[in-house]
Amino acid sequence: VLFSIIFSKDTNKFNLKSGERISGTISGETDSTYTLDTAFGTITLNKANIQTDEELIYLKSEDHKTENNQYVSVGFLDHKTGNSLVGYARTLKKVDKHELFVGVGTLVAMNTLSAGWKYYLLDSPIHLYSVVSIQGIAGMGGGFISPFLSVGAEKSITDKLYINLGLNTVIRVYKNRPNELVPFPNVNLNWRF
């Protein structure tokens, strides 16, 4: 294990792989251990249990996390693919809480193409989000292009399976009559890969 720590008589702080943090003055050292004088007494600390600076940088940067850039949703409508019982979406770019995506979905008699932006309002065990997108909707009665808004919450059931609840709003723009906001609830399961 490589360490870039210069030890002195001052108090040293160690981040352990278990997530604990220990402070103390080093009073002895072997090839595999340190002896520390702490506020609670003298302890022997195994060097293999210490988180190195390189590992801490790696964990804090979150570069090691694999992004699930694609997902398939099944349920009553979807926040990315809109009016669909089955949808597929792909994340093109994700930066912090912002996500750009494209998607396609079907309601059997109606199909949707979408491109938009998803913003995570809250990133906790339950993710709150908002979505703004443009959708091309084609069905038996013709087709149109429409702005689309969605707000909702999603929770992971497993590492790749999520449940999603929210409110979708299609903005119908007409030439000869006033525009309409058409809200729909959505509930679906989506599998991310």
C-alpha atoms as a PDB file:
ATOM      1  CA  VAL A   1       0.000   0.000   0.000  1.00  0.00           C
ATOM      2  CA  LEU A   2       1.352   3.378  -1.000  1.00  0.00           C
ATOM      3  CA  PHE A   3       0.999   6.196   1.505  1.00  0.00           C
ATOM      4  CA  SER A   4       1.785   9.812   0.892  1.00  0.00           C
ATOM      5  CA  ILE A   5       1.353  10.815   4.517  1.00  0.00           C
ATOM      6  CA  ILE A   6       4.190  12.467   6.400  1.00  0.00           C
ATOM      7  CA  PHE A   7       3.851  11.552  10.039  1.00  0.00           C
ATOM      8  CA  SER A   8       4.763  13.855  12.859  1.00  0.00           C
ATOM      9  CA  LYS A   9       4.080  14.075  16.569  1.00  0.00           C
ATOM     10  CA  ASP A  10       0.849  15.876  15.706  1.00  0.00           C
ATOM     11  CA  THR A  11      -2.458  14.065  15.670  1.00  0.00           C
ATOM     12  CA  ASN A  12      -2.954  11.916  12.573  1.00  0.00           C
ATOM     13  CA  LYS A  13      -6.368  11.179  11.094  1.00  0.00           C
ATOM     14  CA  PHE A  14      -7.113   7.889   9.354  1.00  0.00           C
ATOM     15  CA  ASN A  15     -10.161   7.063   7.233  1.00  0.00           C
ATOM     16  CA  LEU A  16     -10.854   3.359   7.465  1.00  0.00           C
ATOM     17  CA  LYS A  17     -12.379   1.230   4.715  1.00  0.00           C
ATOM     18  CA  SER A  18     -15.265   0.493   7.089  1.00  0.00           C
ATOM     19  CA  GLY A  19     -16.193   4.192   6.980  1.00  0.00           C
ATOM     20  CA  GLU A  20     -14.923   4.968  10.484  1.00  0.00           C
ATOM     21  CA  ARG A  21     -12.403   7.699  11.214  1.00  0.00           C
ATOM     22  CA  ILE A  22      -9.655   7.376  13.854  1.00  0.00           C
ATOM     23  CA  SER A  23      -7.429  10.143  15.235  1.00  0.00           C
ATOM     24  CA  GLY A  24      -4.303   9.711  17.308  1.00  0.00           C
ATOM     25  CA  THR A  25      -0.560  10.118  17.614  1.00  0.00           C
ATOM     26  CA  ILE A  26       1.584   7.370  16.106  1.00  0.00           C
ATOM     27  CA  SER A  27       3.735   5.845  18.840  1.00  0.00           C
ATOM     28  CA  GLY A  28       4.975   2.816  16.892  1.00  0.00           C
ATOM     29  CA  GLU A  29       5.018   1.243  13.439  1.00  0.00           C
ATOM     30  CA  THR A  30       5.667  -2.153  11.836  1.00  0.00           C
ATOM     31  CA  ASP A  31       5.410  -3.194   8.178  1.00  0.00           C
ATOM     32  CA  SER A  32       1.694  -3.937   8.584  1.00  0.00           C
ATOM     33  CA  THR A  33       0.481  -1.908  11.608  1.00  0.00           C
ATOM     34  CA  TYR A  34       0.567   1.421  13.414  1.00  0.00           C
ATOM     35  CA  THR A  35       0.326   1.838  17.154  1.00  0.00           C
ATOM     36  CA  LEU A  36      -1.799   4.893  17.942  1.00  0.00           C
ATOM     37  CA  ASP A  37      -2.262   6.784  21.176  1.00  0.00           C
ATOM     38  CA  THR A  38      -5.873   7.995  21.066  1.00  0.00           C
ATOM     39  CA  ALA A  39      -8.139   9.790  23.519  1.00  0.00           C
ATOM     40  CA  PHE A  40      -9.518   6.353  24.431  1.00  0.00           C
ATOM     41  CA  GLY A  41      -6.163   4.598  24.909  1.00  0.00           C
ATOM     42  CA  THR A  42      -3.576   2.854  22.757  1.00  0.00           C
ATOM     43  CA  ILE A  43      -4.728   0.836  19.739  1.00  0.00           C
ATOM     44  CA  THR A  44      -3.069  -1.153  16.977  1.00  0.00           C
ATOM     45  CA  LEU A  45      -4.285  -0.224  13.511  1.00  0.00           C
ATOM     46  CA  ASN A  46      -3.817  -2.616  10.589  1.00  0.00           C
ATOM     47  CA  LYS A  47      -2.502  -0.679   7.547  1.00  0.00           C
ATOM     48  CA  ALA A  48      -4.650  -2.814   5.220  1.00  0.00           C
ATOM     49  CA  ASN A  49      -7.780  -1.323   6.840  1.00  0.00           C
ATOM     50  CA  ILE A  50      -6.774   2.277   6.070  1.00  0.00           C
ATOM     51  CA  GLN A  51      -8.344   4.027   3.086  1.00  0.00           C
ATOM     52  CA  THR A  52      -5.552   5.466   0.919  1.00  0.00           C
ATOM     53  CA  ASP A  53      -5.758   8.973  -0.541  1.00  0.00           C
ATOM     54  CA  GLU A  54      -6.149   7.466  -4.007  1.00  0.00           C
ATOM     55  CA  GLU A  55      -9.126   5.361  -2.891  1.00  0.00           C
ATOM     56  CA  LEU A  56     -10.799   8.343  -1.206  1.00  0.00           C
ATOM     57  CA  ILE A  57     -10.458  10.487  -4.324  1.00  0.00           C
ATOM     58  CA  TYR A  58     -11.904   7.613  -6.380  1.00  0.00           C
ATOM     59  CA  LEU A  59     -14.905   7.197  -4.054  1.00  0.00           C
ATOM     60  CA  LYS A  60     -15.642  10.929  -3.762  1.00  0.00           C
ATOM     61  CA  SER A  61     -15.414  11.549  -7.523  1.00  0.00           C
ATOM     62  CA  GLU A  62     -18.095   8.914  -8.228  1.00  0.00           C
ATOM     63  CA  ASP A  63     -16.277   8.117 -11.497  1.00  0.00           C
ATOM     64  CA  HIS A  64     -16.500   4.441 -10.582  1.00  0.00           C
ATOM     65  CA  LYS A  65     -20.291   4.428 -10.654  1.00  0.00           C
ATOM     66  CA  THR A  66     -21.750   2.865 -13.744  1.00  0.00           C
ATOM     67  CA  GLU A  67     -24.467   4.928 -15.314  1.00  0.00           C
ATOM     68  CA  ASN A  68     -27.595   3.208 -16.519  1.00  0.00           C
ATOM     69  CA  ASN A  69     -27.997   5.018 -19.831  1.00  0.00           C
ATOM     70  CA  GLN A  70     -31.008   3.083 -21.136  1.00  0.00           C
ATOM     71  CA  TYR A  71     -34.290   1.963 -19.727  1.00  0.00           C
ATOM     72  CA  VAL A  72     -37.495   0.199 -20.644  1.00  0.00           C
ATOM     73  CA  SER A  73     -40.719   1.252 -18.921  1.00  0.00           C
ATOM     74  CA  VAL A  74     -43.938  -0.728 -18.636  1.00  0.00           C
ATOM     75  CA  GLY A  75     -47.067   0.792 -17.137  1.00  0.00           C
ATOM     76  CA  PHE A  76     -49.599   3.566 -17.519  1.00  0.00           C
ATOM     77  CA  LEU A  77     -47.691   6.352 -19.277  1.00  0.00           C
ATOM     78  CA  ASP A  78     -44.106   7.463 -18.628  1.00  0.00           C
ATOM     79  CA  HIS A  79     -42.307  10.685 -17.720  1.00  0.00           C
ATOM     80  CA  LYS A  80     -39.860  10.429 -20.642  1.00  0.00           C
ATOM     81  CA  THR A  81     -41.817   8.700 -23.398  1.00  0.00           C
ATOM     82  CA  GLY A  82     -45.154  10.282 -22.517  1.00  0.00           C
ATOM     83  CA  ASN A  83     -48.270   8.518 -23.778  1.00  0.00           C
ATOM     84  CA  SER A  84     -46.998   4.959 -23.774  1.00  0.00           C
ATOM     85  CA  LEU A  85     -47.691   1.614 -22.152  1.00  0.00           C
ATOM     86  CA  VAL A  86     -44.256   0.361 -23.217  1.00  0.00           C
ATOM     87  CA  GLY A  87     -41.385   2.784 -23.727  1.00  0.00           C
ATOM     88  CA  TYR A  88     -37.648   2.870 -24.305  1.00  0.00           C
ATOM     89  CA  ALA A  89     -35.455   5.844 -23.387  1.00  0.00           C
ATOM     90  CA  ARG A  90     -31.750   6.522 -23.706  1.00  0.00           C
ATOM     91  CA  THR A  91     -29.773   9.104 -21.747  1.00  0.00           C
ATOM     92  CA  LEU A  92     -27.478  11.032 -24.084  1.00  0.00           C
ATOM     93  CA  LYS A  93     -25.701  13.109 -21.441  1.00  0.00           C
ATOM     94  CA  LYS A  94     -25.852  13.314 -17.654  1.00  0.00           C
ATOM     95  CA  VAL A  95     -24.152  16.084 -15.672  1.00  0.00           C
ATOM     96  CA  ASP A  96     -24.817  16.400 -11.943  1.00  0.00           C
ATOM     97  CA  LYS A  97     -28.621  16.529 -11.633  1.00  0.00           C
ATOM     98  CA  HIS A  98     -29.255  17.239 -15.327  1.00  0.00           C
ATOM     99  CA  GLU A  99     -30.005  14.586 -17.944  1.00  0.00           C
ATOM    100  CA  LEU A 100     -30.631  14.889 -21.698  1.00  0.00           C
ATOM    101  CA  PHE A 101     -32.565  11.993 -23.238  1.00  0.00           C
ATOM    102  CA  VAL A 102     -34.399  10.634 -26.271  1.00  0.00           C
ATOM    103  CA  GLY A 103     -37.170   8.069 -26.184  1.00  0.00           C
ATOM    104  CA  VAL A 104     -39.838   6.161 -28.057  1.00  0.00           C
ATOM    105  CA  GLY A 105     -43.070   4.684 -26.727  1.00  0.00           C
ATOM    106  CA  THR A 106     -46.278   3.049 -27.850  1.00  0.00           C
ATOM    107  CA  LEU A 107     -49.901   2.853 -26.747  1.00  0.00           C
ATOM    108  CA  VAL A 108     -50.549   0.405 -29.636  1.00  0.00           C
ATOM    109  CA  ALA A 109     -52.810   2.851 -31.551  1.00  0.00           C
ATOM    110  CA  MET A 110     -50.537   5.818 -30.790  1.00  0.00           C
ATOM    111  CA  ASN A 111     -46.748   6.184 -30.900  1.00  0.00           C
ATOM    112  CA  THR A 112     -44.509   8.820 -29.340  1.00  0.00           C
ATOM    113  CA  LEU A 113     -40.996  10.101 -30.082  1.00  0.00           C
ATOM    114  CA  SER A 114     -39.473  12.387 -27.467  1.00  0.00           C
ATOM    115  CA  ALA A 115     -36.365  14.433 -26.729  1.00  0.00           C
ATOM    116  CA  GLY A 116     -35.944  16.331 -23.503  1.00  0.00           C
ATOM    117  CA  TRP A 117     -34.308  17.351 -20.260  1.00  0.00           C
ATOM    118  CA  LYS A 118     -34.771  15.733 -16.843  1.00  0.00           C
ATOM    119  CA  TYR A 119     -33.753  17.519 -13.659  1.00  0.00           C
ATOM    120  CA  TYR A 120     -33.484  15.764 -10.296  1.00  0.00           C
ATOM    121  CA  LEU A 121     -34.983  18.072  -7.665  1.00  0.00           C
ATOM    122  CA  LEU A 122     -34.076  15.770  -4.780  1.00  0.00           C
ATOM    123  CA  ASP A 123     -31.548  12.946  -4.874  1.00  0.00           C
ATOM    124  CA  SER A 124     -32.377  10.895  -1.787  1.00  0.00           C
ATOM    125  CA  PRO A 125     -33.854   7.394  -1.441  1.00  0.00           C
ATOM    126  CA  ILE A 126     -36.879   8.801  -3.280  1.00  0.00           C
ATOM    127  CA  HIS A 127     -35.811  10.853  -6.307  1.00  0.00           C
ATOM    128  CA  LEU A 128     -38.029  13.834  -7.129  1.00  0.00           C
ATOM    129  CA  TYR A 129     -37.714  15.113 -10.695  1.00  0.00           C
ATOM    130  CA  SER A 130     -39.095  17.418 -13.342  1.00  0.00           C
ATOM    131  CA  VAL A 131     -39.061  16.811 -17.102  1.00  0.00           C
ATOM    132  CA  VAL A 132     -39.425  19.199 -20.030  1.00  0.00           C
ATOM    133  CA  SER A 133     -39.490  17.691 -23.508  1.00  0.00           C
ATOM    134  CA  ILE A 134     -40.805  17.975 -27.030  1.00  0.00           C
ATOM    135  CA  GLN A 135     -42.808  15.034 -28.324  1.00  0.00           C
ATOM    136  CA  GLY A 136     -43.899  13.880 -31.720  1.00  0.00           C
ATOM    137  CA  ILE A 137     -47.156  11.988 -31.277  1.00  0.00           C
ATOM    138  CA  ALA A 138     -48.711   9.973 -34.118  1.00  0.00           C
ATOM    139  CA  GLY A 139     -51.867   7.906 -33.979  1.00  0.00           C
ATOM    140  CA  MET A 140     -54.876   6.761 -35.947  1.00  0.00           C
ATOM    141  CA  GLY A 141     -56.340  10.285 -35.945  1.00  0.00           C
ATOM    142  CA  GLY A 142     -53.155  11.945 -37.231  1.00  0.00           C
ATOM    143  CA  GLY A 143     -50.075  13.376 -35.633  1.00  0.00           C
ATOM    144  CA  PHE A 144     -48.798  16.485 -33.903  1.00  0.00           C
ATOM    145  CA  ILE A 145     -45.749  17.883 -32.134  1.00  0.00           C
ATOM    146  CA  SER A 146     -46.298  18.981 -28.562  1.00  0.00           C
ATOM    147  CA  PRO A 147     -44.426  20.437 -25.588  1.00  0.00           C
ATOM    148  CA  PHE A 148     -44.527  18.087 -22.596  1.00  0.00           C
ATOM    149  CA  LEU A 149     -44.037  18.610 -18.842  1.00  0.00           C
ATOM    150  CA  SER A 150     -43.799  16.035 -16.074  1.00  0.00           C
ATOM    151  CA  VAL A 151     -43.140  16.005 -12.328  1.00  0.00           C
ATOM    152  CA  GLY A 152     -42.898  12.948 -10.162  1.00  0.00           C
ATOM    153  CA  ALA A 153     -40.983  10.641  -7.884  1.00  0.00           C
ATOM    154  CA  GLU A 154     -39.078   7.426  -8.437  1.00  0.00           C
ATOM    155  CA  LYS A 155     -37.779   4.834  -6.000  1.00  0.00           C
ATOM    156  CA  SER A 156     -35.445   1.939  -6.633  1.00  0.00           C
ATOM    157  CA  ILE A 157     -36.843  -1.494  -5.865  1.00  0.00           C
ATOM    158  CA  THR A 158     -33.616  -3.269  -6.822  1.00  0.00           C
ATOM    159  CA  ASP A 159     -30.353  -2.020  -8.312  1.00  0.00           C
ATOM    160  CA  LYS A 160     -31.899  -1.814 -11.804  1.00  0.00           C
ATOM    161  CA  LEU A 161     -35.675  -1.821 -11.226  1.00  0.00           C
ATOM    162  CA  TYR A 162     -37.526   1.394 -10.298  1.00  0.00           C
ATOM    163  CA  ILE A 163     -41.123   2.363  -9.633  1.00  0.00           C
ATOM    164  CA  ASN A 164     -42.206   5.745 -10.937  1.00  0.00           C
ATOM    165  CA  LEU A 165     -45.255   7.885 -10.029  1.00  0.00           C
ATOM    166  CA  GLY A 166     -46.028  11.331 -11.357  1.00  0.00           C
ATOM    167  CA  LEU A 167     -48.091  13.748 -13.390  1.00  0.00           C
ATOM    168  CA  ASN A 168     -47.609  14.226 -17.138  1.00  0.00           C
ATOM    169  CA  THR A 169     -48.930  17.265 -18.970  1.00  0.00           C
ATOM    170  CA  VAL A 170     -49.179  17.562 -22.739  1.00  0.00           C
ATOM    171  CA  ILE A 171     -49.564  21.107 -24.027  1.00  0.00           C
ATOM    172  CA  ARG A 172     -51.845  20.996 -27.074  1.00  0.00           C
ATOM    173  CA  VAL A 173     -51.183  23.935 -29.375  1.00  0.00           C
ATOM    174  CA  TYR A 174     -53.935  24.691 -31.894  1.00  0.00           C
ATOM    175  CA  LYS A 175     -54.131  27.220 -34.725  1.00  0.00           C
ATOM    176  CA  ASN A 176     -57.858  27.971 -34.514  1.00  0.00           C
ATOM    177  CA  ARG A 177     -58.676  27.572 -30.810  1.00  0.00           C
ATOM    178  CA  PRO A 178     -57.078  28.159 -27.378  1.00  0.00           C
ATOM    179  CA  ASN A 179     -54.194  25.959 -26.261  1.00  0.00           C
ATOM    180  CA  GLU A 180     -54.940  23.179 -23.775  1.00  0.00           C
ATOM    181  CA  LEU A 181     -53.059  21.634 -20.874  1.00  0.00           C
ATOM    182  CA  VAL A 182     -53.919  17.931 -20.819  1.00  0.00           C
ATOM    183  CA  PRO A 183     -52.745  16.309 -17.551  1.00  0.00           C
ATOM    184  CA  PHE A 184     -52.419  12.547 -17.031  1.00  0.00           C
ATOM    185  CA  PRO A 185     -51.177  10.588 -14.019  1.00  0.00           C
ATOM    186  CA  ASN A 186     -48.385   8.112 -14.664  1.00  0.00           C
ATOM    187  CA  VAL A 187     -47.342   4.967 -12.848  1.00  0.00           C
ATOM    188  CA  ASN A 188     -44.849   2.496 -14.256  1.00  0.00           C
ATOM    189  CA  LEU A 189     -41.987   0.156 -13.577  1.00  0.00           C
ATOM    190  CA  ASN A 190     -38.752   0.802 -15.413  1.00  0.00           C
ATOM    191  CA  TRP A 191     -35.723  -1.400 -15.808  1.00  0.00           C
ATOM    192  CA  ARG A 192     -32.416   0.420 -16.292  1.00  0.00           C
ATOM    193  CA  PHE A 193     -29.407  -1.033 -18.038  1.00  0.00           C
END
